[in-house]
N, C-alpha and C. Protein backbone atom coordinates (compact mmCIF):
# COMPACT_ATOMS: atom_id res chain seq x y z
N MET A 1 -33.85 -35.15 -53.41
CA MET A 1 -35.23 -34.98 -53.08
C MET A 1 -35.52 -33.48 -53.00
N PRO A 2 -36.69 -33.06 -53.44
CA PRO A 2 -37.04 -31.62 -53.40
C PRO A 2 -37.17 -31.03 -52.00
N ARG A 3 -36.93 -29.80 -51.88
CA ARG A 3 -37.02 -29.07 -50.60
C ARG A 3 -38.15 -28.06 -50.65
N TYR A 4 -38.76 -27.91 -49.49
CA TYR A 4 -39.89 -26.96 -49.41
C TYR A 4 -39.73 -26.10 -48.18
N ALA A 5 -40.18 -24.82 -48.27
CA ALA A 5 -40.12 -23.91 -47.09
C ALA A 5 -41.54 -23.74 -46.56
N ILE A 6 -41.66 -23.70 -45.26
CA ILE A 6 -42.98 -23.48 -44.55
C ILE A 6 -43.31 -22.04 -44.73
N THR A 7 -44.55 -21.79 -45.02
CA THR A 7 -45.05 -20.38 -45.21
C THR A 7 -45.83 -19.98 -43.99
N GLU A 8 -46.25 -18.69 -43.95
CA GLU A 8 -47.06 -18.17 -42.82
C GLU A 8 -48.49 -18.72 -42.82
N LYS A 9 -48.93 -19.40 -43.92
CA LYS A 9 -50.23 -19.98 -43.96
C LYS A 9 -50.30 -21.36 -43.28
N ALA A 10 -49.15 -21.91 -42.89
CA ALA A 10 -49.14 -23.26 -42.28
C ALA A 10 -49.80 -23.25 -40.98
N GLY A 11 -50.45 -24.37 -40.66
CA GLY A 11 -51.07 -24.60 -39.34
C GLY A 11 -50.01 -25.26 -38.42
N ARG A 12 -50.59 -25.97 -37.43
CA ARG A 12 -49.71 -26.62 -36.42
C ARG A 12 -48.91 -27.73 -37.03
N PHE A 13 -49.42 -28.40 -37.98
CA PHE A 13 -48.76 -29.52 -38.68
C PHE A 13 -48.59 -29.20 -40.14
N VAL A 14 -47.45 -29.64 -40.70
CA VAL A 14 -47.16 -29.46 -42.12
C VAL A 14 -46.62 -30.75 -42.67
N ALA A 15 -47.28 -31.29 -43.66
CA ALA A 15 -46.86 -32.50 -44.25
C ALA A 15 -46.63 -33.65 -43.21
N GLY A 16 -47.57 -33.67 -42.28
CA GLY A 16 -47.48 -34.74 -41.25
C GLY A 16 -46.39 -34.46 -40.19
N GLN A 17 -45.82 -33.27 -40.16
CA GLN A 17 -44.79 -32.96 -39.17
C GLN A 17 -45.21 -31.77 -38.40
N THR A 18 -44.66 -31.62 -37.21
CA THR A 18 -44.94 -30.43 -36.39
C THR A 18 -44.32 -29.18 -37.06
N ASN A 19 -45.10 -28.13 -37.13
CA ASN A 19 -44.63 -26.86 -37.76
C ASN A 19 -43.65 -26.23 -36.73
N ILE A 20 -42.37 -26.13 -37.20
CA ILE A 20 -41.38 -25.54 -36.31
C ILE A 20 -41.05 -24.08 -36.69
N GLY A 21 -41.78 -23.49 -37.58
CA GLY A 21 -41.56 -22.10 -37.91
C GLY A 21 -41.54 -21.76 -39.39
N VAL A 22 -42.01 -20.52 -39.63
CA VAL A 22 -42.03 -20.01 -41.02
C VAL A 22 -40.61 -19.94 -41.55
N GLY A 23 -40.45 -20.38 -42.74
CA GLY A 23 -39.12 -20.36 -43.38
C GLY A 23 -38.31 -21.55 -43.16
N THR A 24 -38.76 -22.47 -42.31
CA THR A 24 -38.03 -23.71 -42.11
C THR A 24 -38.08 -24.57 -43.38
N VAL A 25 -37.00 -25.14 -43.72
CA VAL A 25 -36.92 -25.90 -44.99
C VAL A 25 -37.00 -27.36 -44.64
N LEU A 26 -37.96 -28.08 -45.34
CA LEU A 26 -38.17 -29.50 -45.20
C LEU A 26 -37.79 -30.22 -46.49
N THR A 27 -37.21 -31.33 -46.36
CA THR A 27 -36.92 -32.22 -47.54
C THR A 27 -37.97 -33.30 -47.57
N LEU A 28 -38.83 -33.26 -48.62
CA LEU A 28 -39.99 -34.05 -48.76
C LEU A 28 -40.06 -34.61 -50.19
N THR A 29 -40.77 -35.71 -50.34
CA THR A 29 -41.08 -36.17 -51.73
C THR A 29 -42.22 -35.23 -52.26
N GLU A 30 -42.34 -35.21 -53.58
CA GLU A 30 -43.39 -34.44 -54.17
C GLU A 30 -44.75 -34.85 -53.65
N LYS A 31 -44.94 -36.20 -53.43
CA LYS A 31 -46.19 -36.73 -52.93
C LYS A 31 -46.45 -36.25 -51.52
N GLN A 32 -45.43 -36.17 -50.63
CA GLN A 32 -45.62 -35.79 -49.29
C GLN A 32 -45.99 -34.30 -49.24
N ALA A 33 -45.49 -33.45 -50.12
CA ALA A 33 -45.62 -32.03 -50.08
C ALA A 33 -46.83 -31.58 -50.88
N GLU A 34 -47.35 -32.43 -51.75
CA GLU A 34 -48.39 -32.05 -52.71
C GLU A 34 -49.58 -31.34 -52.08
N HIS A 35 -50.20 -31.84 -51.05
CA HIS A 35 -51.37 -31.24 -50.44
C HIS A 35 -51.04 -29.88 -49.83
N ASP A 36 -49.92 -29.80 -49.07
CA ASP A 36 -49.59 -28.53 -48.44
C ASP A 36 -49.11 -27.45 -49.39
N VAL A 37 -48.60 -27.89 -50.55
CA VAL A 37 -48.24 -26.89 -51.55
C VAL A 37 -49.55 -26.28 -52.15
N ARG A 38 -50.56 -27.14 -52.39
CA ARG A 38 -51.84 -26.69 -52.88
C ARG A 38 -52.51 -25.69 -51.89
N LEU A 39 -52.34 -26.02 -50.57
CA LEU A 39 -52.95 -25.11 -49.54
C LEU A 39 -52.15 -23.86 -49.38
N GLY A 40 -50.92 -23.84 -49.80
CA GLY A 40 -50.08 -22.67 -49.65
C GLY A 40 -49.27 -22.67 -48.36
N SER A 41 -49.30 -23.76 -47.63
CA SER A 41 -48.55 -23.79 -46.37
C SER A 41 -47.05 -24.26 -46.62
N LEU A 42 -46.82 -24.70 -47.85
CA LEU A 42 -45.42 -25.02 -48.26
C LEU A 42 -45.21 -24.38 -49.62
N ARG A 43 -44.02 -23.98 -49.90
CA ARG A 43 -43.62 -23.52 -51.22
C ARG A 43 -42.31 -24.15 -51.61
N PRO A 44 -42.13 -24.46 -52.88
CA PRO A 44 -40.84 -25.04 -53.30
C PRO A 44 -39.74 -24.18 -52.96
N PHE A 45 -38.66 -24.71 -52.49
CA PHE A 45 -37.51 -23.95 -52.02
C PHE A 45 -36.36 -24.32 -52.91
N ALA A 46 -35.82 -23.27 -53.54
CA ALA A 46 -34.63 -23.43 -54.44
C ALA A 46 -33.67 -22.30 -54.05
N ILE A 47 -32.47 -22.71 -53.79
CA ILE A 47 -31.45 -21.73 -53.50
C ILE A 47 -30.84 -21.29 -54.79
N GLU A 48 -31.03 -20.02 -55.08
CA GLU A 48 -30.39 -19.44 -56.28
C GLU A 48 -29.14 -18.75 -55.90
N PRO A 49 -28.02 -19.02 -56.56
CA PRO A 49 -26.83 -18.34 -56.19
C PRO A 49 -26.95 -16.80 -56.45
N GLU A 50 -26.47 -16.01 -55.48
CA GLU A 50 -26.53 -14.63 -55.59
C GLU A 50 -25.50 -14.20 -56.67
N PRO A 51 -25.82 -13.21 -57.41
CA PRO A 51 -24.84 -12.76 -58.43
C PRO A 51 -23.63 -12.16 -57.71
N GLU A 52 -22.49 -12.40 -58.31
CA GLU A 52 -21.23 -11.92 -57.80
C GLU A 52 -21.21 -10.35 -57.97
N PRO A 53 -20.88 -9.63 -56.89
CA PRO A 53 -20.86 -8.18 -57.09
C PRO A 53 -19.66 -7.83 -58.00
N GLU A 54 -19.86 -6.84 -58.81
CA GLU A 54 -18.78 -6.43 -59.71
C GLU A 54 -17.83 -5.51 -58.89
N LEU A 55 -16.60 -5.91 -58.87
CA LEU A 55 -15.66 -5.14 -58.14
C LEU A 55 -14.81 -4.29 -59.04
N ALA A 56 -14.58 -3.10 -58.59
CA ALA A 56 -13.74 -2.21 -59.41
C ALA A 56 -12.33 -2.65 -59.27
N PRO A 57 -11.51 -2.58 -60.37
CA PRO A 57 -10.16 -3.00 -60.25
C PRO A 57 -9.40 -2.18 -59.21
N VAL A 58 -8.59 -2.87 -58.50
CA VAL A 58 -7.85 -2.17 -57.43
C VAL A 58 -6.54 -1.64 -58.02
N SER A 59 -6.31 -0.41 -57.84
CA SER A 59 -5.11 0.11 -58.37
C SER A 59 -4.32 0.83 -57.17
N GLU A 60 -3.08 0.93 -57.35
CA GLU A 60 -2.28 1.52 -56.32
C GLU A 60 -2.65 3.08 -56.27
N PRO A 61 -2.59 3.62 -55.07
CA PRO A 61 -2.92 5.04 -54.98
C PRO A 61 -1.84 5.88 -55.73
N GLU A 62 -2.34 6.87 -56.35
CA GLU A 62 -1.38 7.69 -57.11
C GLU A 62 -0.71 8.62 -56.15
N ILE A 63 0.60 8.88 -56.40
CA ILE A 63 1.31 9.81 -55.62
C ILE A 63 1.15 11.18 -56.24
N VAL A 64 0.60 12.06 -55.39
CA VAL A 64 0.43 13.44 -55.87
C VAL A 64 1.69 14.13 -55.68
N VAL A 65 2.36 14.55 -56.80
CA VAL A 65 3.65 15.24 -56.75
C VAL A 65 3.45 16.71 -56.72
N PRO A 66 3.84 17.35 -55.58
CA PRO A 66 3.77 18.79 -55.55
C PRO A 66 4.86 19.40 -56.35
N GLU A 67 4.78 20.73 -56.53
CA GLU A 67 5.87 21.40 -57.21
C GLU A 67 7.12 21.32 -56.37
N LEU A 68 8.09 20.40 -56.81
CA LEU A 68 9.23 20.09 -55.97
C LEU A 68 10.16 21.32 -55.84
N SER A 69 10.28 22.12 -56.82
CA SER A 69 11.28 23.29 -56.71
C SER A 69 10.87 24.33 -55.70
N GLY A 70 9.56 24.33 -55.36
CA GLY A 70 9.06 25.27 -54.36
C GLY A 70 9.13 24.81 -52.97
N MET A 71 9.64 23.58 -52.76
CA MET A 71 9.68 22.95 -51.42
C MET A 71 11.13 23.20 -50.81
N THR A 72 11.14 23.22 -49.49
CA THR A 72 12.42 23.31 -48.78
C THR A 72 13.08 21.93 -48.81
N VAL A 73 14.37 21.88 -48.53
CA VAL A 73 15.09 20.60 -48.46
C VAL A 73 14.44 19.64 -47.36
N ARG A 74 14.00 20.21 -46.30
CA ARG A 74 13.37 19.37 -45.28
C ARG A 74 12.03 18.80 -45.82
N ASP A 75 11.26 19.65 -46.50
CA ASP A 75 10.00 19.16 -47.12
C ASP A 75 10.28 18.07 -48.17
N LEU A 76 11.31 18.33 -48.95
CA LEU A 76 11.68 17.30 -49.91
C LEU A 76 12.05 15.95 -49.28
N SER A 77 12.85 16.07 -48.21
CA SER A 77 13.27 14.82 -47.50
C SER A 77 12.00 14.13 -46.89
N ASP A 78 11.08 14.87 -46.33
CA ASP A 78 9.89 14.25 -45.78
C ASP A 78 9.02 13.61 -46.88
N PHE A 79 8.92 14.28 -47.98
CA PHE A 79 8.19 13.74 -49.12
C PHE A 79 8.80 12.43 -49.58
N ALA A 80 10.12 12.43 -49.73
CA ALA A 80 10.81 11.20 -50.18
C ALA A 80 10.56 10.10 -49.17
N GLU A 81 10.71 10.37 -47.89
CA GLU A 81 10.53 9.38 -46.83
C GLU A 81 9.13 8.78 -46.88
N ARG A 82 8.09 9.65 -46.96
CA ARG A 82 6.67 9.17 -47.03
C ARG A 82 6.43 8.28 -48.25
N ASN A 83 7.16 8.50 -49.28
CA ASN A 83 6.92 7.71 -50.53
C ASN A 83 7.96 6.61 -50.77
N GLY A 84 8.73 6.33 -49.75
CA GLY A 84 9.71 5.23 -49.84
C GLY A 84 10.87 5.44 -50.77
N ILE A 85 11.21 6.70 -50.91
CA ILE A 85 12.38 7.02 -51.79
C ILE A 85 13.63 7.28 -50.94
N ASN A 86 14.66 6.49 -51.12
CA ASN A 86 15.86 6.61 -50.39
C ASN A 86 16.77 7.74 -50.91
N LEU A 87 17.03 8.64 -50.00
CA LEU A 87 17.91 9.81 -50.38
C LEU A 87 19.23 9.65 -49.66
N PRO A 88 20.31 9.51 -50.40
CA PRO A 88 21.64 9.49 -49.71
C PRO A 88 21.87 10.82 -49.03
N SER A 89 22.61 10.79 -47.96
CA SER A 89 22.87 12.06 -47.22
C SER A 89 23.86 12.94 -48.02
N GLY A 90 23.81 14.22 -47.76
CA GLY A 90 24.73 15.14 -48.34
C GLY A 90 24.34 15.67 -49.70
N LEU A 91 23.15 15.32 -50.14
CA LEU A 91 22.71 15.86 -51.47
C LEU A 91 22.24 17.30 -51.41
N ARG A 92 22.44 18.01 -52.44
CA ARG A 92 22.00 19.43 -52.54
C ARG A 92 20.52 19.30 -52.98
N LYS A 93 19.82 20.45 -52.86
CA LYS A 93 18.39 20.51 -53.23
C LYS A 93 18.17 20.07 -54.63
N ALA A 94 18.95 20.47 -55.61
CA ALA A 94 18.74 20.09 -57.01
C ALA A 94 18.93 18.57 -57.18
N GLU A 95 19.86 18.00 -56.48
CA GLU A 95 20.13 16.58 -56.51
C GLU A 95 19.03 15.76 -55.85
N ILE A 96 18.46 16.32 -54.79
CA ILE A 96 17.30 15.68 -54.13
C ILE A 96 16.09 15.66 -55.08
N ILE A 97 15.82 16.80 -55.71
CA ILE A 97 14.75 16.88 -56.68
C ILE A 97 14.94 15.91 -57.84
N ASP A 98 16.15 15.81 -58.34
CA ASP A 98 16.46 14.90 -59.44
C ASP A 98 16.26 13.46 -58.98
N THR A 99 16.71 13.09 -57.78
CA THR A 99 16.54 11.77 -57.27
C THR A 99 15.06 11.40 -57.10
N ILE A 100 14.26 12.30 -56.56
CA ILE A 100 12.83 12.07 -56.40
C ILE A 100 12.16 11.87 -57.73
N GLU A 101 12.47 12.73 -58.71
CA GLU A 101 11.82 12.67 -60.03
C GLU A 101 12.18 11.37 -60.68
N ARG A 102 13.46 10.92 -60.60
CA ARG A 102 13.81 9.65 -61.21
C ARG A 102 13.08 8.48 -60.51
N ALA A 103 13.00 8.50 -59.25
CA ALA A 103 12.31 7.49 -58.47
C ALA A 103 10.81 7.35 -58.86
N LEU A 104 10.20 8.51 -59.07
CA LEU A 104 8.76 8.54 -59.38
C LEU A 104 8.50 8.08 -60.85
N GLN A 105 9.52 8.31 -61.74
CA GLN A 105 9.36 7.86 -63.09
C GLN A 105 9.43 6.34 -63.21
N THR A 106 10.16 5.66 -62.38
CA THR A 106 10.35 4.22 -62.45
C THR A 106 9.15 3.48 -61.87
N GLU A 107 8.35 4.16 -61.10
CA GLU A 107 7.16 3.48 -60.46
C GLU A 107 6.07 3.29 -61.44
């Protein structure tokens, strides 16, 4: 059955029913709504689906790799920890840099 929304032009009664507010949706036959549609106190109500918003593809954040050779061993260890790179203990600076670079290339 068709649906109709009550407009601001409606009086106390709409299609033989008490007006309960602008925007209220009534389910009526075309015959029941015909007179009030002509008067403007009812308008056909159709729910149109809202368009889906276009979402940008989600990508993982890029790791900004600083110049590793200019960092201290402590800075290198902190960088590796923040980026989930496991560094075995006892590595020298060159080995730490090599481990970090290999880990970043596989991601």
